[in-house]
């Protein structure tokens, strides 16, 4: 009889969690790249890597 617990299940969960975190990080980066700060004087310079994620 085969059990579904143990290392295989933990490894699968770790892979799924890391994929979800990567997707969340990408979504947040794209969102931030397309927004401006409401305070004119507080607008920080964005890195070039972040500028290529802009959608406009």
PDB file of N, CA and C in Angstrom:
ATOM      1  N   UNK A   1       0.832  -1.169   0.000  1.00  0.00           N
ATOM      2  CA  UNK A   1       0.000   0.000   0.000  1.00  0.00           C
ATOM      3  C   UNK A   1       0.886   1.244   0.000  1.00  0.00           C
ATOM      4  N   UNK A   2       0.512   2.257  -0.776  1.00  0.00           N
ATOM      5  CA  UNK A   2       1.307   3.470  -0.923  1.00  0.00           C
ATOM      6  C   UNK A   2       0.732   4.579  -0.042  1.00  0.00           C
ATOM      7  N   UNK A   3       1.627   5.283   0.665  1.00  0.00           N
ATOM      8  CA  UNK A   3       1.183   6.402   1.479  1.00  0.00           C
ATOM      9  C   UNK A   3       1.512   7.695   0.763  1.00  0.00           C
ATOM     10  N   UNK A   4       0.760   8.738   1.025  1.00  0.00           N
ATOM     11  CA  UNK A   4       0.941  10.009   0.337  1.00  0.00           C
ATOM     12  C   UNK A   4       1.670  11.051   1.185  1.00  0.00           C
ATOM     13  N   UNK A   5       2.113  10.684   2.365  1.00  0.00           N
ATOM     14  CA  UNK A   5       2.842  11.607   3.221  1.00  0.00           C
ATOM     15  C   UNK A   5       4.330  11.501   2.974  1.00  0.00           C
ATOM     16  N   UNK A   6       5.086  12.203   3.777  1.00  0.00           N
ATOM     17  CA  UNK A   6       6.523  12.073   3.716  1.00  0.00           C
ATOM     18  C   UNK A   6       7.204  13.108   2.849  1.00  0.00           C
ATOM     19  N   UNK A   7       8.380  12.749   2.396  1.00  0.00           N
ATOM     20  CA  UNK A   7       9.229  13.685   1.653  1.00  0.00           C
ATOM     21  C   UNK A   7       8.640  14.118   0.320  1.00  0.00           C
ATOM     22  N   UNK A   8       8.043  13.210  -0.392  1.00  0.00           N
ATOM     23  CA  UNK A   8       7.506  13.548  -1.710  1.00  0.00           C
ATOM     24  C   UNK A   8       6.438  14.637  -1.606  1.00  0.00           C
ATOM     25  N   UNK A   9       5.586  14.527  -0.613  1.00  0.00           N
ATOM     26  CA  UNK A   9       4.525  15.506  -0.432  1.00  0.00           C
ATOM     27  C   UNK A   9       5.103  16.855  -0.009  1.00  0.00           C
ATOM     28  N   UNK A  10       6.111  16.835   0.868  1.00  0.00           N
ATOM     29  CA  UNK A  10       6.730  18.082   1.316  1.00  0.00           C
ATOM     30  C   UNK A  10       7.440  18.768   0.163  1.00  0.00           C
ATOM     31  N   UNK A  11       8.141  18.006  -0.677  1.00  0.00           N
ATOM     32  CA  UNK A  11       8.822  18.594  -1.832  1.00  0.00           C
ATOM     33  C   UNK A  11       7.831  19.205  -2.804  1.00  0.00           C
ATOM     34  N   UNK A  12       6.709  18.537  -3.018  1.00  0.00           N
ATOM     35  CA  UNK A  12       5.682  19.062  -3.922  1.00  0.00           C
ATOM     36  C   UNK A  12       5.090  20.355  -3.373  1.00  0.00           C
ATOM     37  N   UNK A  13       4.866  20.397  -2.057  1.00  0.00           N
ATOM     38  CA  UNK A  13       4.331  21.608  -1.445  1.00  0.00           C
ATOM     39  C   UNK A  13       5.325  22.761  -1.540  1.00  0.00           C
ATOM     40  N   UNK A  14       6.609  22.478  -1.349  1.00  0.00           N
ATOM     41  CA  UNK A  14       7.634  23.518  -1.452  1.00  0.00           C
ATOM     42  C   UNK A  14       7.695  24.086  -2.860  1.00  0.00           C
ATOM     43  N   UNK A  15       7.593  23.219  -3.859  1.00  0.00           N
ATOM     44  CA  UNK A  15       7.609  23.680  -5.253  1.00  0.00           C
ATOM     45  C   UNK A  15       6.393  24.557  -5.545  1.00  0.00           C
ATOM     46  N   UNK A  16       5.233  24.140  -5.075  1.00  0.00           N
ATOM     47  CA  UNK A  16       4.013  24.918  -5.312  1.00  0.00           C
ATOM     48  C   UNK A  16       4.086  26.272  -4.624  1.00  0.00           C
ATOM     49  N   UNK A  17       4.580  26.296  -3.400  1.00  0.00           N
ATOM     50  CA  UNK A  17       4.686  27.557  -2.666  1.00  0.00           C
ATOM     51  C   UNK A  17       5.678  28.483  -3.342  1.00  0.00           C
ATOM     52  N   UNK A  18       6.791  27.946  -3.821  1.00  0.00           N
ATOM     53  CA  UNK A  18       7.782  28.796  -4.485  1.00  0.00           C
ATOM     54  C   UNK A  18       7.235  29.349  -5.800  1.00  0.00           C
ATOM     55  N   UNK A  19       6.438  28.583  -6.519  1.00  0.00           N
ATOM     56  CA  UNK A  19       5.817  29.080  -7.746  1.00  0.00           C
ATOM     57  C   UNK A  19       4.833  30.203  -7.449  1.00  0.00           C
ATOM     58  N   UNK A  20       4.052  30.030  -6.397  1.00  0.00           N
ATOM     59  CA  UNK A  20       3.081  31.057  -6.016  1.00  0.00           C
ATOM     60  C   UNK A  20       3.791  32.337  -5.610  1.00  0.00           C
ATOM     61  N   UNK A  21       4.878  32.219  -4.840  1.00  0.00           N
ATOM     62  CA  UNK A  21       5.636  33.404  -4.439  1.00  0.00           C
ATOM     63  C   UNK A  21       6.258  34.099  -5.637  1.00  0.00           C
ATOM     64  N   UNK A  22       6.743  33.344  -6.609  1.00  0.00           N
ATOM     65  CA  UNK A  22       7.330  33.944  -7.804  1.00  0.00           C
ATOM     66  C   UNK A  22       6.276  34.702  -8.603  1.00  0.00           C
ATOM     67  N   UNK A  23       5.092  34.143  -8.716  1.00  0.00           N
ATOM     68  CA  UNK A  23       4.004  34.808  -9.433  1.00  0.00           C
ATOM     69  C   UNK A  23       3.595  36.084  -8.705  1.00  0.00           C
ATOM     70  N   UNK A  24       3.488  36.021  -7.378  1.00  0.00           N
ATOM     71  CA  UNK A  24       3.130  37.213  -6.599  1.00  0.00           C
ATOM     72  C   UNK A  24       4.185  38.308  -6.751  1.00  0.00           C
ATOM     73  N   UNK A  25       5.454  37.934  -6.748  1.00  0.00           N
ATOM     74  CA  UNK A  25       6.523  38.915  -6.903  1.00  0.00           C
ATOM     75  C   UNK A  25       6.457  39.571  -8.282  1.00  0.00           C
ATOM     76  N   UNK A  26       6.169  38.801  -9.309  1.00  0.00           N
ATOM     77  CA  UNK A  26       6.080  39.348 -10.659  1.00  0.00           C
ATOM     78  C   UNK A  26       4.886  40.296 -10.774  1.00  0.00           C
ATOM     79  N   UNK A  27       3.753  39.921 -10.213  1.00  0.00           N
ATOM     80  CA  UNK A  27       2.560  40.772 -10.254  1.00  0.00           C
ATOM     81  C   UNK A  27       2.814  42.081  -9.519  1.00  0.00           C
ATOM     82  N   UNK A  28       3.455  42.004  -8.368  1.00  0.00           N
ATOM     83  CA  UNK A  28       3.759  43.220  -7.604  1.00  0.00           C
ATOM     84  C   UNK A  28       4.738  44.107  -8.363  1.00  0.00           C
ATOM     85  N   UNK A  29       5.734  43.522  -9.021  1.00  0.00           N
ATOM     86  CA  UNK A  29       6.709  44.310  -9.782  1.00  0.00           C
ATOM     87  C   UNK A  29       6.045  45.036 -10.943  1.00  0.00           C
ATOM     88  N   UNK A  30       5.163  44.357 -11.659  1.00  0.00           N
ATOM     89  CA  UNK A  30       4.470  44.979 -12.779  1.00  0.00           C
ATOM     90  C   UNK A  30       3.553  46.085 -12.274  1.00  0.00           C
ATOM     91  N   UNK A  31       2.871  45.857 -11.170  1.00  0.00           N
ATOM     92  CA  UNK A  31       1.984  46.865 -10.600  1.00  0.00           C
ATOM     93  C   UNK A  31       2.765  48.110 -10.189  1.00  0.00           C
ATOM     94  N   UNK A  32       3.881  47.910  -9.528  1.00  0.00           N
ATOM     95  CA  UNK A  32       4.698  49.036  -9.081  1.00  0.00           C
ATOM     96  C   UNK A  32       5.306  49.776 -10.267  1.00  0.00           C
ATOM     97  N   UNK A  33       5.675  49.055 -11.304  1.00  0.00           N
ATOM     98  CA  UNK A  33       6.276  49.692 -12.478  1.00  0.00           C
ATOM     99  C   UNK A  33       5.288  50.608 -13.189  1.00  0.00           C
ATOM    100  N   UNK A  34       4.007  50.347 -13.052  1.00  0.00           N
ATOM    101  CA  UNK A  34       2.995  51.131 -13.747  1.00  0.00           C
ATOM    102  C   UNK A  34       2.346  52.200 -12.877  1.00  0.00           C
ATOM    103  N   UNK A  35       2.851  52.422 -11.677  1.00  0.00           N
ATOM    104  CA  UNK A  35       2.280  53.423 -10.787  1.00  0.00           C
ATOM    105  C   UNK A  35       3.276  54.550 -10.545  1.00  0.00           C
ATOM    106  N   UNK A  36       2.746  55.690 -10.186  1.00  0.00           N
ATOM    107  CA  UNK A  36       3.552  56.836  -9.783  1.00  0.00           C
ATOM    108  C   UNK A  36       3.216  57.193  -8.345  1.00  0.00           C
ATOM    109  N   UNK A  37       4.152  57.825  -7.700  1.00  0.00           N
ATOM    110  CA  UNK A  37       3.934  58.294  -6.340  1.00  0.00           C
ATOM    111  C   UNK A  37       3.051  59.542  -6.399  1.00  0.00           C
ATOM    112  N   UNK A  38       2.144  59.699  -5.443  1.00  0.00           N
ATOM    113  CA  UNK A  38       1.253  60.854  -5.445  1.00  0.00           C
ATOM    114  C   UNK A  38       1.978  62.120  -5.017  1.00  0.00           C
ATOM    115  N   UNK A  39       3.086  61.989  -4.344  1.00  0.00           N
ATOM    116  CA  UNK A  39       3.881  63.138  -3.938  1.00  0.00           C
ATOM    117  C   UNK A  39       4.969  63.379  -4.973  1.00  0.00           C
ATOM    118  N   UNK A  40       4.951  64.521  -5.618  1.00  0.00           N
ATOM    119  CA  UNK A  40       5.871  64.819  -6.715  1.00  0.00           C
ATOM    120  C   UNK A  40       7.323  64.751  -6.261  1.00  0.00           C
ATOM    121  N   UNK A  41       7.596  65.283  -5.091  1.00  0.00           N
ATOM    122  CA  UNK A  41       8.983  65.366  -4.639  1.00  0.00           C
ATOM    123  C   UNK A  41       9.506  64.058  -4.072  1.00  0.00           C
ATOM    124  N   UNK A  42       8.650  63.091  -3.886  1.00  0.00           N
ATOM    125  CA  UNK A  42       9.082  61.817  -3.314  1.00  0.00           C
ATOM    126  C   UNK A  42       9.241  60.724  -4.382  1.00  0.00           C
ATOM    127  N   UNK A  43       9.084  61.060  -5.631  1.00  0.00           N
ATOM    128  CA  UNK A  43       9.194  60.072  -6.702  1.00  0.00           C
ATOM    129  C   UNK A  43      10.644  59.608  -6.825  1.00  0.00           C
ATOM    130  N   UNK A  44      10.885  58.359  -6.500  1.00  0.00           N
ATOM    131  CA  UNK A  44      12.236  57.818  -6.547  1.00  0.00           C
ATOM    132  C   UNK A  44      12.563  57.310  -7.947  1.00  0.00           C
ATOM    133  N   UNK A  45      13.821  57.270  -8.265  1.00  0.00           N
ATOM    134  CA  UNK A  45      14.278  56.764  -9.557  1.00  0.00           C
ATOM    135  C   UNK A  45      14.139  55.244  -9.568  1.00  0.00           C
ATOM    136  N   UNK A  46      13.547  54.722 -10.625  1.00  0.00           N
ATOM    137  CA  UNK A  46      13.335  53.278 -10.732  1.00  0.00           C
ATOM    138  C   UNK A  46      14.493  52.639 -11.496  1.00  0.00           C
ATOM    139  N   UNK A  47      14.844  51.407 -11.155  1.00  0.00           N
ATOM    140  CA  UNK A  47      15.913  50.720 -11.882  1.00  0.00           C
ATOM    141  C   UNK A  47      15.499  50.412 -13.326  1.00  0.00           C
ATOM    142  N   UNK A  48      16.481  50.266 -14.203  1.00  0.00           N
ATOM    143  CA  UNK A  48      16.194  49.973 -15.615  1.00  0.00           C
ATOM    144  C   UNK A  48      15.491  48.624 -15.784  1.00  0.00           C
ATOM    145  N   UNK A  49      15.797  47.654 -14.924  1.00  0.00           N
ATOM    146  CA  UNK A  49      15.154  46.344 -15.024  1.00  0.00           C
ATOM    147  C   UNK A  49      13.654  46.438 -14.774  1.00  0.00           C
ATOM    148  N   UNK A  50      13.268  47.376 -13.905  1.00  0.00           N
ATOM    149  CA  UNK A  50      11.850  47.548 -13.595  1.00  0.00           C
ATOM    150  C   UNK A  50      11.127  48.302 -14.713  1.00  0.00           C
ATOM    151  N   UNK A  51      11.821  49.168 -15.403  1.00  0.00           N
ATOM    152  CA  UNK A  51      11.198  49.955 -16.486  1.00  0.00           C
ATOM    153  C   UNK A  51      10.752  49.076 -17.655  1.00  0.00           C
ATOM    154  N   UNK A  52      11.429  47.972 -17.889  1.00  0.00           N
ATOM    155  CA  UNK A  52      11.033  47.138 -19.023  1.00  0.00           C
ATOM    156  C   UNK A  52       9.763  46.333 -18.746  1.00  0.00           C
ATOM    157  N   UNK A  53       9.253  46.362 -17.512  1.00  0.00           N
ATOM    158  CA  UNK A  53       8.001  45.690 -17.184  1.00  0.00           C
ATOM    159  C   UNK A  53       6.782  46.578 -17.406  1.00  0.00           C
ATOM    160  N   UNK A  54       7.005  47.827 -17.780  1.00  0.00           N
ATOM    161  CA  UNK A  54       5.889  48.749 -17.986  1.00  0.00           C
ATOM    162  C   UNK A  54       5.021  48.288 -19.145  1.00  0.00           C
ATOM    163  N   UNK A  55       3.738  48.571 -19.052  1.00  0.00           N
ATOM    164  CA  UNK A  55       2.804  48.116 -20.080  1.00  0.00           C
ATOM    165  C   UNK A  55       2.363  49.227 -21.009  1.00  0.00           C
ATOM    166  N   UNK A  56       2.922  50.410 -20.883  1.00  0.00           N
ATOM    167  CA  UNK A  56       2.527  51.502 -21.778  1.00  0.00           C
ATOM    168  C   UNK A  56       3.727  52.166 -22.342  1.00  0.00           C
TER     169      UNK A  56
END
